[in-house]
N, C-alpha and C. Protein backbone atom coordinates (compact mmCIF):
# COMPACT_ATOMS: atom_id res chain seq x y z
N MET A 1 0.85 -1.18 0.00
CA MET A 1 0.00 0.00 0.00
C MET A 1 0.90 1.25 0.00
N PRO A 2 0.56 2.24 -0.81
CA PRO A 2 1.36 3.47 -0.86
C PRO A 2 1.40 4.19 0.49
N GLN A 3 2.49 4.90 0.73
CA GLN A 3 2.64 5.63 1.98
C GLN A 3 1.97 6.99 1.92
N CYS A 4 1.69 7.54 3.10
CA CYS A 4 1.08 8.87 3.18
C CYS A 4 2.04 9.89 2.59
N ARG A 5 1.47 10.95 2.04
CA ARG A 5 2.29 11.99 1.42
C ARG A 5 1.58 13.34 1.48
N ALA A 6 2.38 14.39 1.42
CA ALA A 6 1.83 15.76 1.35
C ALA A 6 1.65 16.10 -0.12
N VAL A 7 0.45 16.58 -0.46
CA VAL A 7 0.10 16.90 -1.84
C VAL A 7 -0.43 18.32 -1.89
N LYS A 8 0.16 19.15 -2.75
CA LYS A 8 -0.36 20.50 -2.97
C LYS A 8 -1.38 20.44 -4.08
N GLY A 9 -2.50 21.15 -3.86
CA GLY A 9 -3.53 21.14 -4.89
C GLY A 9 -4.78 21.85 -4.45
N LYS A 10 -5.90 21.50 -5.10
CA LYS A 10 -7.17 22.13 -4.76
C LYS A 10 -8.22 21.05 -4.51
N LEU A 11 -9.07 21.29 -3.54
CA LEU A 11 -10.15 20.39 -3.20
C LEU A 11 -11.45 21.01 -3.67
N GLN A 12 -12.30 20.18 -4.27
CA GLN A 12 -13.63 20.61 -4.69
C GLN A 12 -14.64 19.58 -4.26
N LEU A 13 -15.85 20.05 -4.00
CA LEU A 13 -16.97 19.16 -3.69
C LEU A 13 -17.72 18.91 -4.99
N TRP A 14 -17.84 17.64 -5.37
CA TRP A 14 -18.52 17.24 -6.60
C TRP A 14 -19.84 16.62 -6.23
N ASN A 15 -20.89 17.06 -6.84
CA ASN A 15 -22.22 16.51 -6.59
C ASN A 15 -22.54 15.46 -7.63
N GLY A 16 -23.28 14.45 -7.22
CA GLY A 16 -23.84 13.51 -8.18
C GLY A 16 -23.11 12.20 -8.36
N TRP A 17 -21.83 12.12 -8.03
CA TRP A 17 -21.13 10.87 -8.23
C TRP A 17 -19.97 10.77 -7.23
N PRO A 18 -19.90 9.70 -6.46
CA PRO A 18 -18.81 9.59 -5.49
C PRO A 18 -17.47 9.31 -6.18
N PRO A 19 -16.36 9.65 -5.58
CA PRO A 19 -16.25 10.33 -4.28
C PRO A 19 -16.58 11.81 -4.41
N ALA A 20 -17.32 12.31 -3.43
CA ALA A 20 -17.80 13.70 -3.48
C ALA A 20 -16.66 14.71 -3.33
N TYR A 21 -15.74 14.44 -2.42
CA TYR A 21 -14.60 15.34 -2.23
C TYR A 21 -13.43 14.83 -3.06
N ARG A 22 -12.96 15.69 -3.98
CA ARG A 22 -11.84 15.31 -4.84
C ARG A 22 -10.77 16.39 -4.80
N ILE A 23 -9.54 15.92 -4.79
CA ILE A 23 -8.39 16.82 -4.79
C ILE A 23 -7.66 16.64 -6.11
N ARG A 24 -7.45 17.75 -6.80
CA ARG A 24 -6.61 17.73 -8.01
C ARG A 24 -5.25 18.25 -7.59
N ALA A 25 -4.27 17.35 -7.61
CA ALA A 25 -2.91 17.70 -7.20
C ALA A 25 -2.25 18.56 -8.27
N SER A 26 -1.23 19.31 -7.84
CA SER A 26 -0.53 20.18 -8.78
C SER A 26 0.16 19.39 -9.89
N ASN A 27 0.40 18.08 -9.68
CA ASN A 27 1.02 17.25 -10.72
C ASN A 27 -0.03 16.61 -11.64
N GLY A 28 -1.31 16.93 -11.43
CA GLY A 28 -2.38 16.43 -12.29
C GLY A 28 -3.11 15.20 -11.77
N GLU A 29 -2.57 14.52 -10.76
CA GLU A 29 -3.26 13.36 -10.20
C GLU A 29 -4.53 13.80 -9.49
N ILE A 30 -5.52 12.90 -9.46
CA ILE A 30 -6.78 13.19 -8.79
C ILE A 30 -6.95 12.19 -7.66
N TYR A 31 -7.30 12.71 -6.48
CA TYR A 31 -7.54 11.89 -5.30
C TYR A 31 -8.99 12.07 -4.87
N GLY A 32 -9.62 10.98 -4.53
CA GLY A 32 -10.97 11.01 -3.99
C GLY A 32 -10.90 10.65 -2.52
N LEU A 33 -11.55 11.45 -1.69
CA LEU A 33 -11.48 11.21 -0.25
C LEU A 33 -12.49 10.18 0.18
N GLU A 34 -12.04 9.25 0.96
CA GLU A 34 -12.92 8.23 1.54
C GLU A 34 -13.53 8.82 2.80
N THR A 35 -14.56 9.61 2.60
CA THR A 35 -15.26 10.25 3.72
C THR A 35 -16.72 10.42 3.30
N PRO A 36 -17.64 10.40 4.25
CA PRO A 36 -19.04 10.62 3.88
C PRO A 36 -19.23 11.99 3.24
N ASP A 37 -20.25 12.11 2.40
CA ASP A 37 -20.54 13.40 1.75
C ASP A 37 -20.82 14.50 2.75
N THR A 38 -21.12 14.13 3.99
CA THR A 38 -21.40 15.13 5.03
C THR A 38 -20.14 15.83 5.49
N GLY A 39 -18.96 15.28 5.17
CA GLY A 39 -17.71 15.88 5.61
C GLY A 39 -17.22 15.36 6.93
N ASP A 40 -17.95 14.40 7.53
CA ASP A 40 -17.48 13.80 8.78
C ASP A 40 -16.12 13.17 8.53
N GLY A 41 -15.23 13.33 9.48
CA GLY A 41 -13.90 12.75 9.35
C GLY A 41 -12.87 13.67 8.72
N LEU A 42 -13.28 14.85 8.26
CA LEU A 42 -12.33 15.81 7.71
C LEU A 42 -11.62 16.55 8.84
N PRO A 43 -10.35 16.93 8.63
CA PRO A 43 -9.65 17.74 9.64
C PRO A 43 -10.39 19.06 9.88
N GLU A 44 -10.36 19.53 11.12
CA GLU A 44 -11.06 20.77 11.48
C GLU A 44 -10.60 21.95 10.63
N THR A 45 -9.31 22.00 10.31
CA THR A 45 -8.81 23.12 9.49
C THR A 45 -9.48 23.15 8.12
N LEU A 46 -9.79 21.97 7.59
CA LEU A 46 -10.47 21.92 6.29
C LEU A 46 -11.94 22.23 6.43
N LYS A 47 -12.57 21.75 7.50
CA LYS A 47 -13.99 22.07 7.72
C LYS A 47 -14.19 23.58 7.78
N VAL A 48 -13.28 24.27 8.45
CA VAL A 48 -13.37 25.74 8.55
C VAL A 48 -13.18 26.37 7.17
N ALA A 49 -12.22 25.85 6.40
CA ALA A 49 -11.92 26.43 5.09
C ALA A 49 -13.06 26.25 4.09
N ILE A 50 -13.81 25.14 4.18
CA ILE A 50 -14.86 24.90 3.19
C ILE A 50 -16.25 25.35 3.65
N ALA A 51 -16.36 25.77 4.90
CA ALA A 51 -17.67 26.16 5.44
C ALA A 51 -18.28 27.29 4.62
N GLY A 52 -19.46 27.03 4.07
CA GLY A 52 -20.21 28.05 3.34
C GLY A 52 -19.62 28.44 2.00
N ARG A 53 -18.73 27.63 1.44
CA ARG A 53 -18.08 27.96 0.17
C ARG A 53 -18.48 26.96 -0.90
N ASP A 54 -18.52 27.45 -2.13
CA ASP A 54 -18.73 26.57 -3.28
C ASP A 54 -17.48 26.50 -4.16
N ASP A 55 -16.55 27.43 -3.93
CA ASP A 55 -15.35 27.47 -4.76
C ASP A 55 -14.28 26.54 -4.19
N PRO A 56 -13.25 26.22 -4.98
CA PRO A 56 -12.21 25.29 -4.53
C PRO A 56 -11.44 25.83 -3.33
N VAL A 57 -10.87 24.91 -2.58
CA VAL A 57 -10.01 25.23 -1.44
C VAL A 57 -8.60 24.78 -1.81
N TYR A 58 -7.64 25.70 -1.73
CA TYR A 58 -6.26 25.41 -2.11
C TYR A 58 -5.42 25.23 -0.86
N GLY A 59 -4.45 24.31 -0.95
CA GLY A 59 -3.56 24.10 0.18
C GLY A 59 -2.74 22.84 0.02
N THR A 60 -2.20 22.39 1.16
CA THR A 60 -1.43 21.16 1.21
C THR A 60 -2.24 20.13 1.98
N PHE A 61 -2.46 18.99 1.36
CA PHE A 61 -3.28 17.92 1.92
C PHE A 61 -2.38 16.74 2.23
N THR A 62 -2.45 16.21 3.44
CA THR A 62 -1.72 14.99 3.77
C THR A 62 -2.66 13.83 3.50
N LEU A 63 -2.29 13.04 2.49
CA LEU A 63 -3.14 11.95 2.02
C LEU A 63 -2.47 10.60 2.24
N CYS A 64 -3.28 9.63 2.61
CA CYS A 64 -2.83 8.25 2.75
C CYS A 64 -3.61 7.42 1.74
N PRO A 65 -3.03 7.18 0.56
CA PRO A 65 -3.72 6.40 -0.46
C PRO A 65 -4.07 5.00 0.05
N THR A 66 -5.23 4.52 -0.34
CA THR A 66 -5.67 3.18 0.07
C THR A 66 -5.20 2.11 -0.90
N GLY A 67 -4.75 2.51 -2.08
CA GLY A 67 -4.37 1.56 -3.12
C GLY A 67 -5.50 1.29 -4.09
N ALA A 68 -6.73 1.73 -3.75
CA ALA A 68 -7.89 1.55 -4.63
C ALA A 68 -7.96 2.70 -5.63
N ILE A 69 -8.41 2.37 -6.82
CA ILE A 69 -8.56 3.37 -7.88
C ILE A 69 -9.96 3.24 -8.46
N THR A 70 -10.56 4.38 -8.78
CA THR A 70 -11.89 4.40 -9.39
C THR A 70 -11.91 5.46 -10.48
N SER A 71 -13.04 5.62 -11.11
CA SER A 71 -13.25 6.69 -12.08
C SER A 71 -14.75 6.97 -12.11
N VAL A 72 -15.13 7.97 -12.85
CA VAL A 72 -16.55 8.30 -13.00
C VAL A 72 -16.90 8.21 -14.48
N PRO A 73 -18.17 7.97 -14.80
CA PRO A 73 -18.55 7.75 -16.21
C PRO A 73 -18.23 8.92 -17.13
N TYR A 74 -18.29 10.14 -16.62
CA TYR A 74 -18.10 11.31 -17.47
C TYR A 74 -16.64 11.75 -17.57
N ASP A 75 -15.72 11.06 -16.86
CA ASP A 75 -14.30 11.41 -16.89
C ASP A 75 -13.53 10.15 -16.51
N ARG A 76 -12.86 9.55 -17.46
CA ARG A 76 -12.22 8.25 -17.24
C ARG A 76 -10.84 8.34 -16.58
N ARG A 77 -10.40 9.55 -16.20
CA ARG A 77 -9.12 9.65 -15.50
C ARG A 77 -9.19 8.89 -14.18
N GLN A 78 -8.08 8.33 -13.78
CA GLN A 78 -8.03 7.59 -12.53
C GLN A 78 -8.20 8.52 -11.34
N ILE A 79 -8.98 8.05 -10.38
CA ILE A 79 -9.14 8.74 -9.10
C ILE A 79 -8.59 7.80 -8.04
N HIS A 80 -7.51 8.23 -7.39
CA HIS A 80 -6.87 7.44 -6.35
C HIS A 80 -7.60 7.70 -5.03
N LEU A 81 -8.18 6.66 -4.45
CA LEU A 81 -8.89 6.84 -3.19
C LEU A 81 -7.89 6.97 -2.05
N ALA A 82 -8.19 7.88 -1.11
CA ALA A 82 -7.26 8.16 -0.03
C ALA A 82 -7.99 8.65 1.21
N ARG A 83 -7.32 8.52 2.34
CA ARG A 83 -7.78 9.12 3.59
C ARG A 83 -7.02 10.43 3.76
N LEU A 84 -7.70 11.46 4.20
CA LEU A 84 -7.08 12.75 4.45
C LEU A 84 -6.81 12.87 5.94
N THR A 85 -5.54 13.09 6.30
CA THR A 85 -5.19 13.16 7.72
C THR A 85 -4.86 14.56 8.20
N ALA A 86 -4.53 15.46 7.28
CA ALA A 86 -4.21 16.84 7.68
C ALA A 86 -4.39 17.77 6.50
N PHE A 87 -4.60 19.05 6.81
CA PHE A 87 -4.76 20.08 5.78
C PHE A 87 -4.15 21.37 6.27
N THR A 88 -3.36 22.02 5.39
CA THR A 88 -2.81 23.34 5.67
C THR A 88 -3.26 24.25 4.54
N PRO A 89 -4.04 25.29 4.84
CA PRO A 89 -4.52 26.17 3.76
C PRO A 89 -3.37 26.94 3.12
N LYS A 90 -3.54 27.25 1.84
CA LYS A 90 -2.57 28.06 1.12
C LYS A 90 -2.61 29.46 1.70
N ALA A 91 -1.43 30.00 1.94
CA ALA A 91 -1.35 31.37 2.50
C ALA A 91 -1.85 32.37 1.47
N PRO A 92 -2.62 33.38 1.92
CA PRO A 92 -3.08 34.41 0.97
C PRO A 92 -1.90 35.19 0.42
N LYS A 93 -2.07 35.66 -0.81
CA LYS A 93 -0.99 36.44 -1.46
C LYS A 93 -0.97 37.85 -0.94
């Protein structure tokens, strides 16, 4: 199983097809968070950052890939499933 890693990128909430929370890493990889659509299990720093927002959240995400890969019907790129253990928001410019 792959080891946990820090990934810079953006998180977005996707409606209609799991995984609902997806992170697009700066290297182009896509990670899907193994968490309920309610956001339970997310780090508090991320809950604060996404509260009341519809736009992406940028920062550094500590991800522990599970080794499972999925995709969605409308986009065949691989989505690496992962657990999110920490989040550091991107500093404002």
